[in-house]
Amino acid sequence: MTDPAAFIRANTETASPPLVPEIRLHLASEVTPLWQMTERELDRHNLPPPYWAFAWPGGQALARYLLDHPDTVRGRRVWDIGAGGGLASIAALKAGAASATAFEIDPFALAAIALNGALNGVAPLAEAREVLAEPFAGEADLILIGDMCYERPLAERLVAWLQTAAGRAEILLADPGRAYLPKTGLELVISYAVPTSLDLEDRAIRTTAIYRLAVA
């Protein structure tokens, strides 16, 4: 477990998310075996669950939107917070972003971002940085958030941070109906019907909306 890239290659398959066939990723073909393997290692090495191994609905929606609307991202500096395997960052670069920085604190996710970028001929910067603990200093023009409102403490912390960045960067937040999505301050941009695995979700299709964070 000292080589995250080797672990990823050994425990995933190269496949395309249903909503974004243009992009290839290292993805878990079966949820349970990889999850349990990582849970066993978690006990010994304090490893987090392999969220990076799945193309979650929010990331798929953001990637689809950026590829279909390249003017949104062309020439801009993009931040992808809670990037997972880097799907949204990869789509941003393929759509013409000047740069894309994918933030994750899991070393396996950082390795997955690099591997997935290489699969697609782009190189998002994978950065182990807890940006929500820092004030936003204007280093990005566009901030992407995919599917991060699934638990209350994280969602509240995220929204408070995003409100400090609003007005200095455009913020797109994709959400498939998680419980802690904020009820105000969001402008609907577009919705997608995202095919999902019943191993991960409670339904086969997740309606996933992209919102623009309104400037207060």
N, C-alpha and C. Protein backbone atom coordinates (compact mmCIF):
# COMPACT_ATOMS: atom_id res chain seq x y z
N MET A 1 0.81 -1.22 0.00
CA MET A 1 0.00 0.00 0.00
C MET A 1 0.85 1.26 0.00
N THR A 2 2.15 1.12 -0.24
CA THR A 2 3.00 2.30 -0.32
C THR A 2 3.00 2.90 -1.71
N ASP A 3 2.36 2.25 -2.67
CA ASP A 3 2.33 2.72 -4.05
C ASP A 3 0.87 2.88 -4.49
N PRO A 4 0.25 4.04 -4.25
CA PRO A 4 -1.16 4.22 -4.62
C PRO A 4 -1.42 3.97 -6.10
N ALA A 5 -0.52 4.40 -6.99
CA ALA A 5 -0.75 4.20 -8.42
C ALA A 5 -0.84 2.72 -8.76
N ALA A 6 0.05 1.91 -8.19
CA ALA A 6 0.01 0.47 -8.44
C ALA A 6 -1.28 -0.14 -7.92
N PHE A 7 -1.72 0.30 -6.74
CA PHE A 7 -2.98 -0.19 -6.18
C PHE A 7 -4.14 0.13 -7.11
N ILE A 8 -4.16 1.35 -7.64
CA ILE A 8 -5.25 1.77 -8.52
C ILE A 8 -5.26 0.93 -9.79
N ARG A 9 -4.11 0.75 -10.40
CA ARG A 9 -4.04 -0.06 -11.63
C ARG A 9 -4.51 -1.49 -11.38
N ALA A 10 -4.19 -2.04 -10.21
CA ALA A 10 -4.52 -3.43 -9.92
C ALA A 10 -5.98 -3.64 -9.54
N ASN A 11 -6.67 -2.60 -9.12
CA ASN A 11 -8.01 -2.77 -8.57
C ASN A 11 -9.09 -2.01 -9.31
N THR A 12 -8.78 -1.51 -10.48
CA THR A 12 -9.77 -0.80 -11.28
C THR A 12 -9.70 -1.27 -12.73
N GLU A 13 -10.69 -0.84 -13.49
CA GLU A 13 -10.69 -1.05 -14.93
C GLU A 13 -10.82 0.31 -15.61
N THR A 14 -10.34 0.41 -16.83
CA THR A 14 -10.48 1.64 -17.60
C THR A 14 -11.85 1.64 -18.26
N ALA A 15 -12.64 2.65 -17.96
CA ALA A 15 -14.01 2.72 -18.47
C ALA A 15 -14.43 4.18 -18.56
N SER A 16 -15.56 4.41 -19.24
CA SER A 16 -16.11 5.76 -19.37
C SER A 16 -17.35 5.91 -18.52
N PRO A 17 -17.52 7.03 -17.82
CA PRO A 17 -18.77 7.27 -17.11
C PRO A 17 -19.93 7.35 -18.11
N PRO A 18 -21.13 6.92 -17.73
CA PRO A 18 -22.24 6.89 -18.69
C PRO A 18 -22.56 8.23 -19.35
N LEU A 19 -22.47 9.31 -18.60
CA LEU A 19 -22.85 10.61 -19.14
C LEU A 19 -21.72 11.27 -19.93
N VAL A 20 -20.50 10.73 -19.80
CA VAL A 20 -19.33 11.38 -20.42
C VAL A 20 -18.49 10.33 -21.15
N PRO A 21 -18.99 9.79 -22.26
CA PRO A 21 -18.26 8.72 -22.95
C PRO A 21 -16.94 9.18 -23.54
N GLU A 22 -16.73 10.50 -23.68
CA GLU A 22 -15.47 11.00 -24.23
C GLU A 22 -14.28 10.83 -23.29
N ILE A 23 -14.55 10.59 -22.03
CA ILE A 23 -13.48 10.56 -21.01
C ILE A 23 -13.35 9.14 -20.47
N ARG A 24 -12.10 8.71 -20.32
CA ARG A 24 -11.79 7.40 -19.74
C ARG A 24 -11.19 7.59 -18.36
N LEU A 25 -11.58 6.70 -17.44
CA LEU A 25 -11.12 6.79 -16.06
C LEU A 25 -10.77 5.41 -15.53
N HIS A 26 -9.95 5.39 -14.51
CA HIS A 26 -9.74 4.17 -13.73
C HIS A 26 -10.88 4.07 -12.73
N LEU A 27 -11.79 3.12 -12.96
CA LEU A 27 -12.98 2.99 -12.14
C LEU A 27 -13.10 1.59 -11.56
N ALA A 28 -13.72 1.49 -10.40
CA ALA A 28 -13.99 0.19 -9.80
C ALA A 28 -15.11 -0.49 -10.58
N SER A 29 -14.88 -1.70 -11.03
CA SER A 29 -15.91 -2.41 -11.77
C SER A 29 -16.94 -3.03 -10.83
N GLU A 30 -16.55 -3.33 -9.61
CA GLU A 30 -17.47 -3.83 -8.58
C GLU A 30 -17.21 -3.03 -7.31
N VAL A 31 -18.29 -2.57 -6.70
CA VAL A 31 -18.14 -1.70 -5.54
C VAL A 31 -17.60 -2.46 -4.33
N THR A 32 -18.23 -3.56 -3.99
CA THR A 32 -17.95 -4.19 -2.70
C THR A 32 -16.52 -4.68 -2.54
N PRO A 33 -15.93 -5.43 -3.50
CA PRO A 33 -14.57 -5.94 -3.25
C PRO A 33 -13.55 -4.83 -2.99
N LEU A 34 -13.57 -3.78 -3.79
CA LEU A 34 -12.61 -2.69 -3.59
C LEU A 34 -12.88 -1.97 -2.27
N TRP A 35 -14.15 -1.74 -1.99
CA TRP A 35 -14.50 -1.05 -0.75
C TRP A 35 -14.03 -1.85 0.46
N GLN A 36 -14.28 -3.17 0.45
CA GLN A 36 -13.87 -3.99 1.58
C GLN A 36 -12.35 -4.07 1.68
N MET A 37 -11.68 -4.14 0.54
CA MET A 37 -10.22 -4.19 0.57
C MET A 37 -9.68 -2.92 1.22
N THR A 38 -10.25 -1.81 0.83
CA THR A 38 -9.76 -0.56 1.40
C THR A 38 -10.16 -0.45 2.87
N GLU A 39 -11.33 -0.99 3.24
CA GLU A 39 -11.71 -0.98 4.65
C GLU A 39 -10.72 -1.80 5.49
N ARG A 40 -10.27 -2.93 4.96
CA ARG A 40 -9.29 -3.73 5.69
C ARG A 40 -7.98 -2.95 5.86
N GLU A 41 -7.57 -2.29 4.76
CA GLU A 41 -6.35 -1.50 4.84
C GLU A 41 -6.55 -0.29 5.74
N LEU A 42 -7.78 0.23 5.74
CA LEU A 42 -8.08 1.38 6.60
C LEU A 42 -7.77 1.05 8.05
N ASP A 43 -8.10 -0.16 8.47
CA ASP A 43 -7.84 -0.55 9.85
C ASP A 43 -6.35 -0.50 10.18
N ARG A 44 -5.53 -0.84 9.20
CA ARG A 44 -4.09 -0.92 9.44
C ARG A 44 -3.35 0.36 9.10
N HIS A 45 -3.84 1.09 8.09
CA HIS A 45 -3.07 2.22 7.57
C HIS A 45 -3.84 3.54 7.58
N ASN A 46 -5.04 3.55 8.17
CA ASN A 46 -5.83 4.77 8.25
C ASN A 46 -6.14 5.35 6.88
N LEU A 47 -6.55 4.49 5.96
CA LEU A 47 -6.89 4.92 4.61
C LEU A 47 -8.38 5.25 4.53
N PRO A 48 -8.74 6.30 3.81
CA PRO A 48 -10.16 6.62 3.64
C PRO A 48 -10.80 5.71 2.60
N PRO A 49 -12.15 5.64 2.56
CA PRO A 49 -12.83 4.86 1.52
C PRO A 49 -12.49 5.37 0.13
N PRO A 50 -12.58 4.51 -0.89
CA PRO A 50 -12.11 4.88 -2.24
C PRO A 50 -13.14 5.67 -3.05
N TYR A 51 -13.48 6.86 -2.58
CA TYR A 51 -14.43 7.69 -3.32
C TYR A 51 -13.91 8.02 -4.72
N TRP A 52 -12.60 8.03 -4.89
CA TRP A 52 -11.97 8.36 -6.17
C TRP A 52 -12.25 7.31 -7.25
N ALA A 53 -12.73 6.13 -6.86
CA ALA A 53 -12.87 5.01 -7.80
C ALA A 53 -14.22 4.99 -8.50
N PHE A 54 -15.06 5.99 -8.24
CA PHE A 54 -16.40 6.00 -8.80
C PHE A 54 -16.69 7.38 -9.41
N ALA A 55 -17.43 7.38 -10.52
CA ALA A 55 -17.81 8.63 -11.17
C ALA A 55 -19.16 9.05 -10.60
N TRP A 56 -19.12 9.87 -9.57
CA TRP A 56 -20.34 10.27 -8.88
C TRP A 56 -21.19 11.19 -9.76
N PRO A 57 -22.51 11.25 -9.53
CA PRO A 57 -23.38 12.03 -10.41
C PRO A 57 -22.98 13.49 -10.56
N GLY A 58 -22.55 14.13 -9.46
CA GLY A 58 -22.18 15.54 -9.56
C GLY A 58 -21.00 15.77 -10.49
N GLY A 59 -19.99 14.92 -10.41
CA GLY A 59 -18.84 15.05 -11.31
C GLY A 59 -19.19 14.80 -12.74
N GLN A 60 -20.06 13.81 -12.98
CA GLN A 60 -20.49 13.54 -14.35
C GLN A 60 -21.25 14.73 -14.94
N ALA A 61 -22.14 15.31 -14.14
CA ALA A 61 -22.91 16.45 -14.63
C ALA A 61 -22.00 17.64 -14.96
N LEU A 62 -21.06 17.94 -14.08
CA LEU A 62 -20.15 19.05 -14.35
C LEU A 62 -19.33 18.80 -15.60
N ALA A 63 -18.82 17.57 -15.75
CA ALA A 63 -18.01 17.25 -16.92
C ALA A 63 -18.83 17.40 -18.20
N ARG A 64 -20.06 16.89 -18.19
CA ARG A 64 -20.92 17.01 -19.38
C ARG A 64 -21.18 18.47 -19.73
N TYR A 65 -21.46 19.26 -18.71
CA TYR A 65 -21.76 20.67 -18.95
C TYR A 65 -20.56 21.41 -19.52
N LEU A 66 -19.38 21.18 -18.98
CA LEU A 66 -18.19 21.89 -19.47
C LEU A 66 -17.84 21.48 -20.89
N LEU A 67 -17.96 20.21 -21.20
CA LEU A 67 -17.66 19.76 -22.56
C LEU A 67 -18.67 20.32 -23.57
N ASP A 68 -19.92 20.45 -23.15
CA ASP A 68 -20.95 20.97 -24.04
C ASP A 68 -20.98 22.49 -24.10
N HIS A 69 -20.38 23.15 -23.12
CA HIS A 69 -20.39 24.62 -23.04
C HIS A 69 -18.96 25.11 -22.79
N PRO A 70 -18.06 24.92 -23.74
CA PRO A 70 -16.65 25.26 -23.51
C PRO A 70 -16.41 26.73 -23.22
N ASP A 71 -17.33 27.62 -23.65
CA ASP A 71 -17.14 29.04 -23.35
C ASP A 71 -17.16 29.30 -21.85
N THR A 72 -17.79 28.40 -21.09
CA THR A 72 -17.83 28.56 -19.64
C THR A 72 -16.44 28.49 -19.02
N VAL A 73 -15.54 27.74 -19.67
CA VAL A 73 -14.27 27.41 -19.04
C VAL A 73 -13.05 27.83 -19.85
N ARG A 74 -13.23 28.13 -21.12
CA ARG A 74 -12.10 28.38 -21.99
C ARG A 74 -11.23 29.54 -21.47
N GLY A 75 -9.93 29.26 -21.34
CA GLY A 75 -8.97 30.28 -20.92
C GLY A 75 -9.00 30.63 -19.45
N ARG A 76 -9.79 29.92 -18.66
CA ARG A 76 -9.95 30.27 -17.25
C ARG A 76 -9.14 29.35 -16.35
N ARG A 77 -8.84 29.84 -15.16
CA ARG A 77 -8.18 29.04 -14.11
C ARG A 77 -9.28 28.37 -13.30
N VAL A 78 -9.23 27.06 -13.26
CA VAL A 78 -10.31 26.28 -12.65
C VAL A 78 -9.82 25.59 -11.38
N TRP A 79 -10.64 25.64 -10.36
CA TRP A 79 -10.44 24.83 -9.15
C TRP A 79 -11.55 23.80 -9.08
N ASP A 80 -11.17 22.55 -8.79
CA ASP A 80 -12.11 21.45 -8.61
C ASP A 80 -11.92 20.95 -7.18
N ILE A 81 -12.85 21.28 -6.30
CA ILE A 81 -12.70 20.99 -4.87
C ILE A 81 -13.42 19.69 -4.52
N GLY A 82 -12.74 18.82 -3.79
CA GLY A 82 -13.28 17.49 -3.54
C GLY A 82 -13.37 16.72 -4.84
N ALA A 83 -12.25 16.68 -5.57
CA ALA A 83 -12.24 16.29 -6.98
C ALA A 83 -12.42 14.80 -7.22
N GLY A 84 -12.25 13.96 -6.20
CA GLY A 84 -12.35 12.52 -6.44
C GLY A 84 -11.27 12.06 -7.40
N GLY A 85 -11.68 11.42 -8.49
CA GLY A 85 -10.74 10.97 -9.51
C GLY A 85 -10.40 12.01 -10.54
N GLY A 86 -10.91 13.25 -10.39
CA GLY A 86 -10.53 14.33 -11.28
C GLY A 86 -11.35 14.48 -12.53
N LEU A 87 -12.55 13.90 -12.57
CA LEU A 87 -13.35 13.94 -13.79
C LEU A 87 -13.65 15.37 -14.24
N ALA A 88 -14.11 16.23 -13.34
CA ALA A 88 -14.46 17.60 -13.73
C ALA A 88 -13.22 18.38 -14.18
N SER A 89 -12.08 18.17 -13.52
CA SER A 89 -10.85 18.85 -13.92
C SER A 89 -10.41 18.43 -15.31
N ILE A 90 -10.52 17.14 -15.59
CA ILE A 90 -10.15 16.64 -16.91
C ILE A 90 -11.05 17.25 -17.97
N ALA A 91 -12.36 17.29 -17.72
CA ALA A 91 -13.28 17.89 -18.67
C ALA A 91 -12.97 19.37 -18.89
N ALA A 92 -12.63 20.07 -17.80
CA ALA A 92 -12.29 21.49 -17.93
C ALA A 92 -11.11 21.70 -18.87
N LEU A 93 -10.07 20.89 -18.71
CA LEU A 93 -8.89 21.03 -19.57
C LEU A 93 -9.21 20.65 -21.00
N LYS A 94 -10.00 19.61 -21.20
CA LYS A 94 -10.38 19.21 -22.56
C LYS A 94 -11.23 20.28 -23.22
N ALA A 95 -11.96 21.06 -22.41
CA ALA A 95 -12.80 22.13 -22.95
C ALA A 95 -12.04 23.45 -23.13
N GLY A 96 -10.75 23.47 -22.75
CA GLY A 96 -9.95 24.65 -23.03
C GLY A 96 -9.56 25.50 -21.85
N ALA A 97 -9.71 25.00 -20.64
CA ALA A 97 -9.29 25.78 -19.47
C ALA A 97 -7.80 26.07 -19.52
N ALA A 98 -7.40 27.23 -19.02
CA ALA A 98 -5.98 27.57 -18.96
C ALA A 98 -5.26 26.67 -17.99
N SER A 99 -5.92 26.31 -16.90
CA SER A 99 -5.35 25.39 -15.90
C SER A 99 -6.49 24.81 -15.11
N ALA A 100 -6.24 23.65 -14.49
CA ALA A 100 -7.23 23.03 -13.62
C ALA A 100 -6.49 22.41 -12.44
N THR A 101 -6.87 22.83 -11.25
CA THR A 101 -6.28 22.29 -10.02
C THR A 101 -7.34 21.47 -9.31
N ALA A 102 -7.01 20.19 -9.07
CA ALA A 102 -7.93 19.26 -8.41
C ALA A 102 -7.47 19.08 -6.96
N PHE A 103 -8.32 19.45 -6.02
CA PHE A 103 -7.96 19.39 -4.61
C PHE A 103 -8.53 18.13 -3.96
N GLU A 104 -7.65 17.38 -3.32
CA GLU A 104 -8.02 16.18 -2.56
C GLU A 104 -7.02 16.00 -1.43
N ILE A 105 -7.44 15.36 -0.35
CA ILE A 105 -6.50 15.11 0.74
C ILE A 105 -6.11 13.63 0.82
N ASP A 106 -6.76 12.76 0.04
CA ASP A 106 -6.46 11.34 0.01
C ASP A 106 -5.34 11.09 -1.00
N PRO A 107 -4.21 10.49 -0.61
CA PRO A 107 -3.13 10.24 -1.56
C PRO A 107 -3.53 9.32 -2.70
N PHE A 108 -4.51 8.43 -2.46
CA PHE A 108 -4.98 7.57 -3.53
C PHE A 108 -5.77 8.39 -4.56
N ALA A 109 -6.55 9.35 -4.11
CA ALA A 109 -7.26 10.23 -5.03
C ALA A 109 -6.27 11.06 -5.84
N LEU A 110 -5.22 11.56 -5.20
CA LEU A 110 -4.21 12.34 -5.92
C LEU A 110 -3.56 11.50 -7.00
N ALA A 111 -3.26 10.23 -6.69
CA ALA A 111 -2.68 9.34 -7.70
C ALA A 111 -3.67 9.07 -8.81
N ALA A 112 -4.96 8.88 -8.46
CA ALA A 112 -5.98 8.63 -9.47
C ALA A 112 -6.14 9.81 -10.40
N ILE A 113 -6.07 11.02 -9.88
CA ILE A 113 -6.18 12.21 -10.72
C ILE A 113 -5.07 12.24 -11.76
N ALA A 114 -3.85 11.94 -11.35
CA ALA A 114 -2.72 11.93 -12.28
C ALA A 114 -2.90 10.83 -13.33
N LEU A 115 -3.28 9.64 -12.89
CA LEU A 115 -3.46 8.53 -13.82
C LEU A 115 -4.60 8.81 -14.80
N ASN A 116 -5.70 9.35 -14.30
CA ASN A 116 -6.84 9.64 -15.16
C ASN A 116 -6.53 10.76 -16.14
N GLY A 117 -5.79 11.77 -15.69
CA GLY A 117 -5.39 12.80 -16.61
C GLY A 117 -4.56 12.24 -17.75
N ALA A 118 -3.62 11.36 -17.42
CA ALA A 118 -2.77 10.77 -18.46
C ALA A 118 -3.59 9.96 -19.45
N LEU A 119 -4.63 9.27 -18.98
CA LEU A 119 -5.49 8.51 -19.89
C LEU A 119 -6.13 9.41 -20.95
N ASN A 120 -6.33 10.68 -20.59
CA ASN A 120 -7.07 11.60 -21.46
C ASN A 120 -6.18 12.68 -22.09
N GLY A 121 -4.87 12.55 -21.93
CA GLY A 121 -3.96 13.47 -22.57
C GLY A 121 -3.93 14.86 -21.97
N VAL A 122 -4.33 14.98 -20.71
CA VAL A 122 -4.28 16.28 -20.02
C VAL A 122 -3.61 16.07 -18.67
N ALA A 123 -3.26 17.17 -18.02
CA ALA A 123 -2.52 17.05 -16.76
C ALA A 123 -3.06 18.04 -15.73
N PRO A 124 -4.21 17.70 -15.10
CA PRO A 124 -4.65 18.55 -13.99
C PRO A 124 -3.63 18.51 -12.87
N LEU A 125 -3.48 19.64 -12.18
CA LEU A 125 -2.59 19.69 -11.03
C LEU A 125 -3.34 19.10 -9.84
N ALA A 126 -2.84 17.99 -9.30
CA ALA A 126 -3.45 17.35 -8.13
C ALA A 126 -2.77 17.88 -6.89
N GLU A 127 -3.55 18.54 -6.04
CA GLU A 127 -2.94 19.23 -4.90
C GLU A 127 -3.58 18.78 -3.59
N ALA A 128 -2.74 18.34 -2.66
CA ALA A 128 -3.20 17.93 -1.32
C ALA A 128 -3.25 19.17 -0.43
N ARG A 129 -4.34 19.88 -0.54
CA ARG A 129 -4.47 21.15 0.17
C ARG A 129 -5.90 21.30 0.67
N GLU A 130 -6.06 21.61 1.92
CA GLU A 130 -7.38 21.77 2.53
C GLU A 130 -7.83 23.21 2.31
N VAL A 131 -8.36 23.47 1.11
CA VAL A 131 -8.67 24.86 0.75
C VAL A 131 -9.79 25.44 1.60
N LEU A 132 -10.67 24.61 2.13
CA LEU A 132 -11.77 25.15 2.93
C LEU A 132 -11.29 25.71 4.26
N ALA A 133 -10.04 25.42 4.61
CA ALA A 133 -9.47 25.95 5.85
C ALA A 133 -8.74 27.26 5.61
N GLU A 134 -8.72 27.74 4.37
CA GLU A 134 -7.99 28.96 4.03
C GLU A 134 -8.93 30.01 3.45
N PRO A 135 -8.63 31.27 3.60
CA PRO A 135 -9.41 32.28 2.89
C PRO A 135 -9.12 32.22 1.39
N PHE A 136 -10.12 32.46 0.58
CA PHE A 136 -9.94 32.46 -0.86
C PHE A 136 -9.22 33.74 -1.26
N ALA A 137 -8.13 33.58 -2.02
CA ALA A 137 -7.30 34.72 -2.39
C ALA A 137 -7.39 35.06 -3.87
N GLY A 138 -8.40 34.52 -4.56
CA GLY A 138 -8.61 34.89 -5.95
C GLY A 138 -7.76 34.14 -6.95
N GLU A 139 -7.27 32.94 -6.58
CA GLU A 139 -6.37 32.20 -7.48
C GLU A 139 -7.11 31.47 -8.60
N ALA A 140 -8.44 31.50 -8.60
CA ALA A 140 -9.22 30.80 -9.61
C ALA A 140 -10.29 31.72 -10.17
N ASP A 141 -10.68 31.45 -11.42
CA ASP A 141 -11.77 32.18 -12.05
C ASP A 141 -13.08 31.40 -11.97
N LEU A 142 -12.96 30.08 -11.89
CA LEU A 142 -14.13 29.20 -11.86
C LEU A 142 -13.88 28.10 -10.83
N ILE A 143 -14.82 27.93 -9.91
CA ILE A 143 -14.72 26.90 -8.87
C ILE A 143 -15.81 25.87 -9.11
N LEU A 144 -15.42 24.59 -9.16
CA LEU A 144 -16.35 23.49 -9.40
C LEU A 144 -16.51 22.67 -8.12
N ILE A 145 -17.77 22.36 -7.80
CA ILE A 145 -18.08 21.55 -6.63
C ILE A 145 -19.02 20.44 -7.09
N GLY A 146 -18.62 19.20 -6.96
CA GLY A 146 -19.46 18.09 -7.38
C GLY A 146 -19.85 17.20 -6.23
N ASP A 147 -21.13 17.22 -5.88
CA ASP A 147 -21.68 16.22 -4.97
C ASP A 147 -21.01 16.23 -3.59
N MET A 148 -20.95 17.39 -2.95
CA MET A 148 -20.30 17.48 -1.64
C MET A 148 -21.26 17.81 -0.49
N CYS A 149 -22.56 17.80 -0.76
CA CYS A 149 -23.53 18.19 0.28
C CYS A 149 -24.22 16.97 0.88
N TYR A 150 -23.45 15.91 1.10
CA TYR A 150 -24.03 14.66 1.59
C TYR A 150 -24.00 14.53 3.11
N GLU A 151 -23.29 15.41 3.81
CA GLU A 151 -23.34 15.41 5.27
C GLU A 151 -23.32 16.85 5.76
N ARG A 152 -24.02 17.08 6.88
CA ARG A 152 -24.26 18.46 7.32
C ARG A 152 -22.98 19.25 7.63
N PRO A 153 -22.04 18.73 8.45
CA PRO A 153 -20.88 19.57 8.78
C PRO A 153 -20.08 19.99 7.55
N LEU A 154 -19.88 19.05 6.62
CA LEU A 154 -19.14 19.39 5.41
C LEU A 154 -19.89 20.41 4.58
N ALA A 155 -21.20 20.21 4.39
CA ALA A 155 -21.98 21.13 3.57
C ALA A 155 -21.98 22.53 4.16
N GLU A 156 -22.14 22.64 5.47
CA GLU A 156 -22.16 23.97 6.10
C GLU A 156 -20.81 24.66 5.96
N ARG A 157 -19.75 23.91 6.15
CA ARG A 157 -18.40 24.47 6.01
C ARG A 157 -18.14 24.88 4.56
N LEU A 158 -18.56 24.05 3.63
CA LEU A 158 -18.37 24.34 2.22
C LEU A 158 -19.11 25.61 1.81
N VAL A 159 -20.38 25.70 2.18
CA VAL A 159 -21.17 26.86 1.76
C VAL A 159 -20.63 28.14 2.38
N ALA A 160 -20.21 28.10 3.63
CA ALA A 160 -19.64 29.29 4.25
C ALA A 160 -18.39 29.74 3.51
N TRP A 161 -17.55 28.79 3.11
CA TRP A 161 -16.34 29.14 2.36
C TRP A 161 -16.68 29.69 0.98
N LEU A 162 -17.62 29.05 0.30
CA LEU A 162 -17.99 29.49 -1.05
C LEU A 162 -18.55 30.91 -1.04
N GLN A 163 -19.26 31.25 0.02
CA GLN A 163 -19.82 32.61 0.09
C GLN A 163 -18.72 33.66 0.17
N THR A 164 -17.56 33.29 0.72
CA THR A 164 -16.45 34.24 0.76
C THR A 164 -15.79 34.39 -0.61
N ALA A 165 -15.96 33.37 -1.47
CA ALA A 165 -15.37 33.42 -2.81
C ALA A 165 -16.32 33.99 -3.85
N ALA A 166 -17.61 33.97 -3.57
CA ALA A 166 -18.59 34.46 -4.53
C ALA A 166 -18.32 35.92 -4.87
N GLY A 167 -18.41 36.23 -6.14
CA GLY A 167 -18.12 37.57 -6.61
C GLY A 167 -16.71 37.73 -7.12
N ARG A 168 -15.80 36.88 -6.65
CA ARG A 168 -14.42 36.90 -7.14
C ARG A 168 -14.14 35.73 -8.08
N ALA A 169 -14.99 34.73 -8.04
CA ALA A 169 -14.90 33.60 -8.96
C ALA A 169 -16.32 33.11 -9.23
N GLU A 170 -16.54 32.60 -10.44
CA GLU A 170 -17.82 31.95 -10.72
C GLU A 170 -17.80 30.58 -10.03
N ILE A 171 -18.93 30.21 -9.43
CA ILE A 171 -19.01 28.96 -8.68
C ILE A 171 -20.14 28.12 -9.25
N LEU A 172 -19.80 26.90 -9.71
CA LEU A 172 -20.79 25.95 -10.19
C LEU A 172 -20.81 24.76 -9.23
N LEU A 173 -21.99 24.47 -8.72
CA LEU A 173 -22.17 23.40 -7.74
C LEU A 173 -23.15 22.39 -8.32
N ALA A 174 -22.71 21.13 -8.45
CA ALA A 174 -23.56 20.07 -8.99
C ALA A 174 -24.02 19.17 -7.86
N ASP A 175 -25.32 18.87 -7.83
CA ASP A 175 -25.87 18.09 -6.72
C ASP A 175 -27.00 17.20 -7.22
N PRO A 176 -27.00 15.91 -6.80
CA PRO A 176 -28.06 14.97 -7.21
C PRO A 176 -29.17 14.81 -6.18
N GLY A 177 -29.43 15.85 -5.41
CA GLY A 177 -30.50 15.78 -4.42
C GLY A 177 -30.05 15.32 -3.05
N ARG A 178 -28.82 15.66 -2.68
CA ARG A 178 -28.33 15.29 -1.35
C ARG A 178 -29.07 16.11 -0.27
N ALA A 179 -29.06 15.59 0.93
CA ALA A 179 -29.91 16.14 1.99
C ALA A 179 -29.51 17.54 2.41
N TYR A 180 -28.24 17.90 2.27
CA TYR A 180 -27.78 19.16 2.87
C TYR A 180 -27.43 20.22 1.83
N LEU A 181 -27.97 20.07 0.63
CA LEU A 181 -27.85 21.14 -0.36
C LEU A 181 -28.52 22.40 0.19
N PRO A 182 -27.86 23.56 0.13
CA PRO A 182 -28.51 24.78 0.65
C PRO A 182 -29.81 25.07 -0.10
N LYS A 183 -30.76 25.63 0.62
CA LYS A 183 -32.09 25.90 0.06
C LYS A 183 -32.19 27.27 -0.59
N THR A 184 -31.23 28.13 -0.36
CA THR A 184 -31.27 29.47 -0.94
C THR A 184 -29.90 29.82 -1.53
N GLY A 185 -29.88 30.88 -2.34
CA GLY A 185 -28.63 31.38 -2.87
C GLY A 185 -28.11 30.63 -4.08
N LEU A 186 -28.95 29.81 -4.70
CA LEU A 186 -28.52 29.03 -5.86
C LEU A 186 -29.39 29.37 -7.07
N GLU A 187 -28.75 29.50 -8.23
CA GLU A 187 -29.46 29.72 -9.49
C GLU A 187 -29.30 28.47 -10.36
N LEU A 188 -30.41 27.86 -10.73
CA LEU A 188 -30.35 26.65 -11.54
C LEU A 188 -29.79 26.96 -12.93
N VAL A 189 -28.80 26.18 -13.34
CA VAL A 189 -28.21 26.33 -14.68
C VAL A 189 -28.76 25.27 -15.62
N ILE A 190 -28.73 23.99 -15.20
CA ILE A 190 -29.16 22.89 -16.06
C ILE A 190 -29.30 21.65 -15.20
N SER A 191 -30.07 20.68 -15.67
CA SER A 191 -30.21 19.39 -14.98
C SER A 191 -29.94 18.26 -15.96
N TYR A 192 -29.41 17.16 -15.43
CA TYR A 192 -29.14 15.97 -16.22
C TYR A 192 -29.73 14.75 -15.51
N ALA A 193 -30.14 13.77 -16.30
CA ALA A 193 -30.51 12.46 -15.77
C ALA A 193 -29.26 11.58 -15.86
N VAL A 194 -28.66 11.30 -14.72
CA VAL A 194 -27.38 10.60 -14.68
C VAL A 194 -27.59 9.13 -14.30
N PRO A 195 -27.25 8.18 -15.18
CA PRO A 195 -27.32 6.77 -14.79
C PRO A 195 -26.36 6.49 -13.63
N THR A 196 -26.84 5.75 -12.65
CA THR A 196 -26.02 5.47 -11.46
C THR A 196 -26.12 3.99 -11.10
N SER A 197 -25.15 3.52 -10.35
CA SER A 197 -25.12 2.14 -9.89
C SER A 197 -25.97 1.99 -8.63
N LEU A 198 -26.78 0.93 -8.60
CA LEU A 198 -27.57 0.67 -7.40
C LEU A 198 -26.71 0.21 -6.24
N ASP A 199 -25.44 -0.11 -6.50
CA ASP A 199 -24.52 -0.38 -5.40
C ASP A 199 -24.17 0.89 -4.64
N LEU A 200 -24.29 2.03 -5.32
CA LEU A 200 -23.90 3.30 -4.73
C LEU A 200 -25.09 4.19 -4.37
N GLU A 201 -26.14 4.10 -5.16
CA GLU A 201 -27.28 5.00 -5.01
C GLU A 201 -28.55 4.18 -4.78
N ASP A 202 -29.63 4.88 -4.41
CA ASP A 202 -30.89 4.19 -4.14
C ASP A 202 -31.82 4.17 -5.35
N ARG A 203 -31.30 4.58 -6.50
CA ARG A 203 -32.09 4.56 -7.74
C ARG A 203 -31.14 4.47 -8.93
N ALA A 204 -31.68 4.03 -10.06
CA ALA A 204 -30.84 3.81 -11.24
C ALA A 204 -30.53 5.10 -11.99
N ILE A 205 -31.33 6.13 -11.79
CA ILE A 205 -31.13 7.43 -12.44
C ILE A 205 -31.19 8.49 -11.35
N ARG A 206 -30.20 9.35 -11.33
CA ARG A 206 -30.20 10.47 -10.40
C ARG A 206 -30.33 11.77 -11.19
N THR A 207 -31.41 12.50 -10.97
CA THR A 207 -31.52 13.83 -11.57
C THR A 207 -30.55 14.74 -10.85
N THR A 208 -29.59 15.25 -11.60
CA THR A 208 -28.49 16.01 -11.01
C THR A 208 -28.49 17.42 -11.59
N ALA A 209 -28.61 18.39 -10.72
CA ALA A 209 -28.69 19.80 -11.15
C ALA A 209 -27.34 20.48 -10.96
N ILE A 210 -27.06 21.40 -11.87
CA ILE A 210 -25.93 22.30 -11.70
C ILE A 210 -26.48 23.67 -11.35
N TYR A 211 -25.95 24.23 -10.28
CA TYR A 211 -26.37 25.54 -9.81
C TYR A 211 -25.19 26.51 -9.87
N ARG A 212 -25.50 27.76 -10.07
CA ARG A 212 -24.53 28.84 -9.93
C ARG A 212 -24.79 29.50 -8.59
N LEU A 213 -23.73 29.64 -7.80
CA LEU A 213 -23.88 30.31 -6.51
C LEU A 213 -24.11 31.79 -6.74
N ALA A 214 -25.21 32.29 -6.23
CA ALA A 214 -25.55 33.69 -6.43
C ALA A 214 -24.68 34.58 -5.54
N VAL A 215 -24.36 35.73 -6.05
CA VAL A 215 -23.60 36.71 -5.28
C VAL A 215 -24.56 37.45 -4.36
N ALA A 216 -24.25 37.44 -3.08
CA ALA A 216 -25.14 38.08 -2.09
C ALA A 216 -25.17 39.58 -2.30
